[in-house]
């Protein structure tokens, strides 16, 4: 999902989120077609042998998934992507509104902007007319913040269009304009705050609904059914085919393990961040017993940046709200030039910044929390954080 410019003059540039009606309609149409084919197979087909049994189950299953995705997609996008983003030159800020007519707003000061840039993303698609797959590229235009955060706004199929947008934004957004907005930062009611004599604590917990575990269970059943169906054919598979199937199964188990572990952690953990005159502390507690599972302490002078990256249409591992030391911020910059370094650090356990896992917050609420924490550290420890 990307944005489009709906208004532009010497005072402001307004971006609005593109409509989801077409995508939702495609999902519902294709899902309905698959479901009807599945109904036809179950009505007119009499055999229950493999692989026909698999087809009788897969077509209606994927049909229902497509219909559900078409119905659920617009609601999910409304909850996770701001509807309007305004470059307000008079206020010297980018105003981010979750809903155009609502009052939930966050901002990015112009003096926080480092510029605009292009991120090239390679994708592949299979082709029925040729062997193998075809690689194509998408060009994402994003706003770079001085603290390392990124906000992705536009997506193009060719570099020329992306470069033209970067030139336009660079020319029309006066990043030297001073911030001129008296709106105070506020916290989402999803986060609880406690003020003490010298310490402020915020804490929250992530909610886990029944739908993700149910979907993972159904997906696992179907996936494992597809894998097992290969062994039901009369032909004996060679060693190479067995290796490929084994590799696919291994990747599936790794992905499922990661997702399930995250779901279990969200269901059993309570999180907190405290700030006093000297330190910032991050905690993870067991929700049932209250026992501490994890704690990390950072002296306030070591807190280099608190930033949020908004990347709705691409799989960006840096997306989310994180607290970085200077060394961690520099290491993240190296990842852009040497992506393999990120993989090395992952296996070594190095360079693990504090990621605030707040799945219940939308992008505007995360932006509000980022600005609120920066102001709190400045107030408590007289330390300016990017």
Protein backbone atom coordinates (compact mmCIF):
# COMPACT_ATOMS: atom_id res chain seq x y z
CA UNK A 1 0.00 0.00 0.00
CA UNK A 2 1.37 3.43 -1.00
CA UNK A 3 0.31 7.08 -0.90
CA UNK A 4 -0.52 9.67 -3.52
CA UNK A 5 -0.33 13.47 -3.56
CA UNK A 6 -3.84 14.95 -3.51
CA UNK A 7 -2.92 18.60 -2.94
CA UNK A 8 0.23 20.67 -3.27
CA UNK A 9 0.89 24.41 -2.94
CA UNK A 10 3.37 26.77 -1.32
CA UNK A 11 1.95 26.09 2.14
CA UNK A 12 1.56 22.32 2.32
CA UNK A 13 1.69 18.99 0.51
CA UNK A 14 -1.06 16.50 1.35
CA UNK A 15 -0.68 12.74 0.84
CA UNK A 16 -3.57 10.30 1.14
CA UNK A 17 -3.53 6.54 1.39
CA UNK A 18 -4.58 4.78 -1.80
CA UNK A 19 -7.92 3.00 -1.82
CA UNK A 20 -8.10 -0.69 -0.94
CA UNK A 21 -11.35 -1.35 -2.81
CA UNK A 22 -9.67 -2.82 -5.92
CA UNK A 23 -7.37 -5.15 -3.97
CA UNK A 24 -10.21 -6.30 -1.73
CA UNK A 25 -12.41 -6.94 -4.78
CA UNK A 26 -9.68 -9.04 -6.44
CA UNK A 27 -9.28 -11.20 -3.33
CA UNK A 28 -13.03 -11.73 -3.00
CA UNK A 29 -13.47 -12.51 -6.71
CA UNK A 30 -10.61 -15.01 -6.89
CA UNK A 31 -11.58 -16.53 -3.55
CA UNK A 32 -15.17 -16.99 -4.69
CA UNK A 33 -13.98 -18.63 -7.91
CA UNK A 34 -11.77 -21.08 -6.01
CA UNK A 35 -14.56 -21.84 -3.55
CA UNK A 36 -17.08 -22.56 -6.33
CA UNK A 37 -14.57 -24.83 -8.08
CA UNK A 38 -14.06 -26.65 -4.79
CA UNK A 39 -17.80 -27.08 -4.32
CA UNK A 40 -18.05 -28.44 -7.87
CA UNK A 41 -15.24 -30.92 -7.26
CA UNK A 42 -16.90 -32.21 -4.09
CA UNK A 43 -20.31 -32.51 -5.75
CA UNK A 44 -19.33 -34.18 -9.01
CA UNK A 45 -16.11 -36.04 -8.11
CA UNK A 46 -16.57 -39.50 -6.64
CA UNK A 47 -13.00 -40.65 -6.00
CA UNK A 48 -11.33 -40.12 -2.65
CA UNK A 49 -7.85 -41.12 -3.71
CA UNK A 50 -4.78 -38.91 -3.71
CA UNK A 51 -4.13 -36.40 -5.20
CA UNK A 52 -7.85 -35.82 -5.96
CA UNK A 53 -8.66 -35.76 -2.25
CA UNK A 54 -6.12 -32.96 -1.86
CA UNK A 55 -7.79 -30.92 -4.62
CA UNK A 56 -11.21 -31.39 -3.03
CA UNK A 57 -9.90 -29.85 0.16
CA UNK A 58 -7.51 -27.20 -1.13
CA UNK A 59 -9.80 -25.37 -3.56
CA UNK A 60 -12.56 -24.51 -1.06
CA UNK A 61 -9.99 -23.84 1.68
CA UNK A 62 -8.02 -21.30 -0.35
CA UNK A 63 -11.28 -19.87 -1.64
CA UNK A 64 -12.45 -19.11 1.89
CA UNK A 65 -9.03 -17.66 2.72
CA UNK A 66 -9.29 -15.32 -0.30
CA UNK A 67 -12.81 -14.19 0.63
CA UNK A 68 -11.78 -13.57 4.23
CA UNK A 69 -8.67 -11.64 3.12
CA UNK A 70 -10.80 -9.41 0.87
CA UNK A 71 -13.15 -8.61 3.74
CA UNK A 72 -10.41 -8.23 6.37
CA UNK A 73 -7.84 -6.29 4.27
CA UNK A 74 -9.53 -2.83 4.32
CA UNK A 75 -10.03 -2.98 8.09
CA UNK A 76 -6.46 -4.11 8.70
CA UNK A 77 -5.04 -1.30 6.55
CA UNK A 78 -7.21 1.32 8.29
CA UNK A 79 -5.83 0.14 11.65
CA UNK A 80 -2.17 0.01 10.60
CA UNK A 81 -1.64 2.80 8.05
CA UNK A 82 -2.33 6.54 8.46
CA UNK A 83 -5.01 7.87 6.15
CA UNK A 84 -3.44 11.30 5.60
CA UNK A 85 0.09 12.72 5.83
CA UNK A 86 0.63 16.48 5.49
CA UNK A 87 3.88 18.36 4.93
CA UNK A 88 2.86 21.60 6.68
CA UNK A 89 5.42 24.29 5.88
CA UNK A 90 3.89 26.82 8.28
CA UNK A 91 4.15 24.43 11.26
CA UNK A 92 7.52 23.12 10.10
CA UNK A 93 6.40 19.54 10.54
CA UNK A 94 5.03 16.46 8.83
CA UNK A 95 1.61 15.86 10.38
CA UNK A 96 0.53 12.23 10.43
CA UNK A 97 -3.22 11.62 10.87
CA UNK A 98 -4.56 8.12 11.43
CA UNK A 99 -7.98 9.30 10.21
CA UNK A 100 -8.57 12.51 8.27
CA UNK A 101 -11.50 13.64 10.40
CA UNK A 102 -10.12 12.27 13.69
CA UNK A 103 -7.95 13.82 16.39
CA UNK A 104 -5.23 11.15 16.55
CA UNK A 105 -2.15 12.93 15.23
CA UNK A 106 1.61 12.60 15.42
CA UNK A 107 4.31 14.76 13.89
CA UNK A 108 7.85 14.70 12.50
CA UNK A 109 9.61 18.05 12.84
CA UNK A 110 11.24 19.41 9.69
CA UNK A 111 14.52 19.80 11.58
CA UNK A 112 14.47 16.00 12.15
CA UNK A 113 14.46 15.29 8.40
CA UNK A 114 17.77 14.28 6.81
CA UNK A 115 16.33 14.11 3.29
CA UNK A 116 14.52 11.79 0.88
CA UNK A 117 15.90 8.69 -0.78
CA UNK A 118 15.06 5.57 -2.84
CA UNK A 119 15.12 1.98 -1.65
CA UNK A 120 15.32 -0.63 -4.43
CA UNK A 121 13.48 -3.87 -3.70
CA UNK A 122 13.83 -6.92 -5.93
CA UNK A 123 10.89 -9.28 -6.37
CA UNK A 124 10.32 -12.39 -8.40
CA UNK A 125 7.31 -13.95 -10.10
CA UNK A 126 6.83 -17.26 -11.86
CA UNK A 127 5.96 -17.25 -15.54
CA UNK A 128 3.95 -19.85 -17.40
CA UNK A 129 5.48 -18.88 -20.74
CA UNK A 130 9.10 -19.37 -19.69
CA UNK A 131 11.04 -21.55 -17.37
CA UNK A 132 11.98 -20.39 -13.92
CA UNK A 133 11.00 -17.02 -12.48
CA UNK A 134 11.23 -13.39 -13.56
CA UNK A 135 12.92 -10.80 -11.37
CA UNK A 136 11.56 -7.26 -11.31
CA UNK A 137 12.19 -4.24 -9.13
CA UNK A 138 10.10 -1.83 -7.09
CA UNK A 139 11.43 1.60 -6.15
CA UNK A 140 10.30 2.87 -2.73
CA UNK A 141 10.62 6.58 -1.92
CA UNK A 142 11.05 7.28 1.77
CA UNK A 143 11.74 10.10 4.21
CA UNK A 144 15.02 9.78 6.13
CA UNK A 145 15.17 11.07 9.68
CA UNK A 146 18.40 12.14 11.36
CA UNK A 147 17.80 9.58 14.10
CA UNK A 148 17.82 6.73 11.55
CA UNK A 149 14.05 6.32 11.28
CA UNK A 150 12.44 5.93 7.86
CA UNK A 151 8.92 6.62 6.58
CA UNK A 152 7.98 4.96 3.29
CA UNK A 153 5.42 6.87 1.25
CA UNK A 154 5.60 5.98 -2.46
CA UNK A 155 6.21 2.86 -4.55
CA UNK A 156 7.04 2.91 -8.27
CA UNK A 157 7.72 0.36 -10.98
CA UNK A 158 10.56 2.39 -12.54
CA UNK A 159 13.47 4.40 -11.17
CA UNK A 160 12.75 7.53 -13.21
CA UNK A 161 9.39 8.10 -11.47
CA UNK A 162 10.94 7.51 -8.05
CA UNK A 163 13.80 9.93 -8.76
CA UNK A 164 11.32 12.56 -9.95
CA UNK A 165 9.41 12.28 -6.67
CA UNK A 166 12.62 12.61 -4.63
CA UNK A 167 13.52 15.76 -6.59
CA UNK A 168 10.02 17.20 -6.07
CA UNK A 169 9.99 16.56 -2.31
CA UNK A 170 13.52 17.86 -1.87
CA UNK A 171 12.65 21.07 -3.72
CA UNK A 172 9.26 21.71 -2.11
CA UNK A 173 9.79 20.70 1.52
CA UNK A 174 11.73 23.48 3.35
CA UNK A 175 13.44 21.35 6.01
CA UNK A 176 15.10 24.49 7.45
CA UNK A 177 11.72 25.81 8.62
CA UNK A 178 11.49 25.96 12.46
CA UNK A 179 8.96 23.82 14.30
CA UNK A 180 5.87 25.90 15.09
CA UNK A 181 3.25 23.72 16.78
CA UNK A 182 2.18 24.01 20.40
CA UNK A 183 0.53 20.58 20.44
CA UNK A 184 1.84 18.55 23.37
CA UNK A 185 2.82 14.92 22.99
CA UNK A 186 0.41 12.44 24.51
CA UNK A 187 0.46 8.73 25.16
CA UNK A 188 -2.05 6.22 23.87
CA UNK A 189 -4.51 4.97 26.51
CA UNK A 190 -3.19 1.48 25.65
CA UNK A 191 -0.05 2.42 27.63
CA UNK A 192 -0.24 2.89 31.40
CA UNK A 193 1.92 5.60 32.98
CA UNK A 194 3.03 6.08 36.58
CA UNK A 195 4.90 9.17 37.77
CA UNK A 196 7.06 8.87 40.91
CA UNK A 197 9.23 11.36 42.73
CA UNK A 198 12.18 10.90 40.39
CA UNK A 199 11.08 8.11 38.05
CA UNK A 200 8.43 7.75 35.35
CA UNK A 201 7.31 4.26 34.34
CA UNK A 202 5.21 3.15 31.38
CA UNK A 203 4.01 -0.43 30.97
CA UNK A 204 1.87 -2.39 28.56
CA UNK A 205 1.00 -5.87 27.37
CA UNK A 206 0.27 -7.19 23.90
CA UNK A 207 -3.05 -8.84 23.18
CA UNK A 208 -3.23 -12.09 21.25
CA UNK A 209 -6.51 -12.85 19.49
CA UNK A 210 -7.73 -16.31 18.53
CA UNK A 211 -7.43 -15.70 14.78
CA UNK A 212 -3.58 -15.91 14.34
CA UNK A 213 -3.25 -19.29 16.15
CA UNK A 214 -6.29 -20.64 14.28
CA UNK A 215 -4.91 -19.52 10.91
CA UNK A 216 -1.47 -20.97 11.70
CA UNK A 217 -3.08 -24.30 12.60
CA UNK A 218 -5.08 -24.46 9.36
CA UNK A 219 -2.11 -23.35 7.28
CA UNK A 220 0.10 -26.00 8.91
CA UNK A 221 -2.45 -28.73 8.23
CA UNK A 222 -2.74 -27.75 4.56
CA UNK A 223 1.02 -27.30 4.08
CA UNK A 224 1.91 -30.60 5.69
CA UNK A 225 -0.88 -32.24 3.68
CA UNK A 226 0.68 -30.95 0.47
CA UNK A 227 4.13 -32.17 1.49
CA UNK A 228 2.83 -35.61 2.49
CA UNK A 229 0.94 -35.93 -0.80
CA UNK A 230 4.24 -36.11 -2.68
CA UNK A 231 4.98 -39.39 -0.92
CA UNK A 232 1.66 -40.91 -2.01
CA UNK A 233 2.57 -41.07 -5.69
CA UNK A 234 3.67 -44.40 -7.14
CA UNK A 235 6.84 -42.96 -8.69
CA UNK A 236 9.88 -43.09 -6.46
CA UNK A 237 11.45 -39.67 -5.86
CA UNK A 238 15.15 -39.19 -6.45
CA UNK A 239 17.59 -37.82 -3.92
CA UNK A 240 17.49 -34.26 -5.24
CA UNK A 241 13.70 -34.07 -4.88
CA UNK A 242 13.98 -35.36 -1.32
CA UNK A 243 16.55 -32.67 -0.50
CA UNK A 244 14.31 -29.93 -1.93
CA UNK A 245 11.29 -31.15 0.03
CA UNK A 246 13.41 -31.43 3.17
CA UNK A 247 14.70 -27.87 2.74
CA UNK A 248 11.17 -26.49 2.23
CA UNK A 249 9.99 -28.35 5.32
CA UNK A 250 12.92 -27.01 7.35
CA UNK A 251 12.21 -23.41 6.33
CA UNK A 252 8.53 -23.90 7.18
CA UNK A 253 9.40 -25.22 10.65
CA UNK A 254 11.81 -22.32 11.30
CA UNK A 255 9.21 -19.73 10.29
CA UNK A 256 6.48 -21.43 12.31
CA UNK A 257 8.76 -21.70 15.35
CA UNK A 258 9.54 -17.96 15.17
CA UNK A 259 5.87 -16.99 14.83
CA UNK A 260 4.65 -19.32 17.55
CA UNK A 261 7.40 -18.20 19.95
CA UNK A 262 6.38 -14.55 19.37
CA UNK A 263 2.70 -15.37 19.98
CA UNK A 264 3.54 -17.22 23.20
CA UNK A 265 5.76 -14.36 24.38
CA UNK A 266 3.05 -11.76 23.71
CA UNK A 267 0.48 -13.89 25.54
CA UNK A 268 2.65 -14.38 28.65
CA UNK A 269 4.74 -11.20 28.95
CA UNK A 270 4.24 -7.72 30.30
CA UNK A 271 6.63 -4.96 29.24
CA UNK A 272 7.81 -1.74 30.92
CA UNK A 273 10.19 1.19 30.43
CA UNK A 274 11.31 3.50 33.22
CA UNK A 275 13.26 6.77 33.05
CA UNK A 276 14.85 8.58 35.99
CA UNK A 277 17.56 11.26 36.21
CA UNK A 278 20.33 8.79 35.37
CA UNK A 279 19.08 5.72 33.51
CA UNK A 280 16.60 4.29 31.09
CA UNK A 281 15.54 0.74 31.99
CA UNK A 282 13.64 -1.80 29.92
CA UNK A 283 11.84 -4.74 31.58
CA UNK A 284 10.00 -7.89 30.62
CA UNK A 285 7.86 -9.60 33.27
CA UNK A 286 5.88 -12.84 33.36
CA UNK A 287 2.23 -11.83 33.13
CA UNK A 288 0.99 -14.45 35.58
CA UNK A 289 3.66 -14.48 38.31
CA UNK A 290 5.26 -11.06 37.83
CA UNK A 291 8.74 -12.60 37.76
CA UNK A 292 11.31 -10.57 35.81
CA UNK A 293 12.42 -12.28 32.60
CA UNK A 294 14.63 -9.61 31.09
CA UNK A 295 16.12 -6.29 32.11
CA UNK A 296 18.41 -3.87 30.36
CA UNK A 297 19.77 -0.62 31.76
CA UNK A 298 21.15 2.26 29.69
CA UNK A 299 22.68 5.38 31.26
CA UNK A 300 20.88 8.34 29.71
CA UNK A 301 24.07 9.77 28.08
CA UNK A 302 24.39 6.47 26.16
CA UNK A 303 20.91 6.73 24.63
CA UNK A 304 21.72 8.00 21.15
CA UNK A 305 18.33 7.78 19.42
CA UNK A 306 14.75 6.62 19.77
CA UNK A 307 13.26 6.11 16.36
CA UNK A 308 10.35 4.53 14.55
CA UNK A 309 10.43 3.16 10.99
CA UNK A 310 7.18 2.96 9.04
CA UNK A 311 7.38 0.53 6.10
CA UNK A 312 3.87 -0.77 5.28
CA UNK A 313 4.46 -2.20 1.81
CA UNK A 314 7.82 -3.92 2.24
CA UNK A 315 9.40 -6.43 4.59
CA UNK A 316 11.78 -4.13 6.46
CA UNK A 317 13.58 -5.76 9.42
CA UNK A 318 14.25 -2.29 10.87
CA UNK A 319 10.55 -1.42 11.06
CA UNK A 320 9.24 -0.69 14.52
CA UNK A 321 10.19 1.40 17.53
CA UNK A 322 13.71 0.96 18.90
CA UNK A 323 16.11 2.56 21.37
CA UNK A 324 19.72 2.71 20.16
CA UNK A 325 23.13 3.53 21.57
CA UNK A 326 25.61 5.31 19.29
CA UNK A 327 27.40 2.04 18.48
CA UNK A 328 24.12 0.31 17.61
CA UNK A 329 23.03 3.21 15.39
CA UNK A 330 26.33 3.08 13.50
CA UNK A 331 26.01 -0.67 13.10
CA UNK A 332 22.53 -0.30 11.62
CA UNK A 333 23.94 2.11 9.05
CA UNK A 334 26.50 -0.53 8.08
CA UNK A 335 23.73 -3.03 7.43
CA UNK A 336 22.55 -0.95 4.47
CA UNK A 337 25.95 -1.28 2.78
CA UNK A 338 26.68 -4.83 3.99
CA UNK A 339 23.41 -6.76 4.52
CA UNK A 340 25.28 -9.94 5.46
CA UNK A 341 26.56 -8.21 8.60
CA UNK A 342 23.02 -8.21 9.98
CA UNK A 343 22.82 -11.98 9.51
CA UNK A 344 26.18 -12.46 11.20
CA UNK A 345 25.13 -10.37 14.20
CA UNK A 346 21.89 -12.32 14.43
CA UNK A 347 23.72 -15.64 14.84
CA UNK A 348 26.39 -14.16 17.10
CA UNK A 349 23.84 -12.48 19.34
CA UNK A 350 25.56 -9.12 18.84
CA UNK A 351 24.06 -5.67 18.41
CA UNK A 352 20.69 -6.25 19.99
CA UNK A 353 19.09 -2.85 20.54
CA UNK A 354 15.99 -2.41 22.66
CA UNK A 355 12.99 -3.07 20.45
CA UNK A 356 9.73 -1.98 22.03
CA UNK A 357 7.26 -4.72 21.20
CA UNK A 358 3.98 -2.82 21.23
CA UNK A 359 1.84 -4.61 18.66
CA UNK A 360 -1.35 -2.91 19.81
CA UNK A 361 -0.14 0.56 18.77
CA UNK A 362 -0.72 2.02 15.33
CA UNK A 363 1.98 4.14 13.56
CA UNK A 364 0.66 7.44 14.92
CA UNK A 365 0.69 6.11 18.49
CA UNK A 366 4.24 4.82 17.98
CA UNK A 367 5.31 8.23 16.68
CA UNK A 368 3.69 9.89 19.69
CA UNK A 369 5.54 7.51 22.02
CA UNK A 370 8.84 8.22 20.26
CA UNK A 371 8.46 11.98 20.72
CA UNK A 372 7.19 11.57 24.30
CA UNK A 373 10.20 9.47 25.34
CA UNK A 374 12.61 11.96 23.76
CA UNK A 375 11.01 14.81 25.72
CA UNK A 376 10.98 12.75 28.94
CA UNK A 377 14.73 12.00 28.70
CA UNK A 378 15.45 15.67 28.04
CA UNK A 379 13.34 16.64 31.05
CA UNK A 380 14.74 13.99 33.43
CA UNK A 381 18.41 13.94 32.48
CA UNK A 382 18.92 17.06 30.36
CA UNK A 383 20.04 14.74 27.53
CA UNK A 384 18.90 15.55 23.99
CA UNK A 385 18.10 12.34 22.14
CA UNK A 386 17.65 12.18 18.38
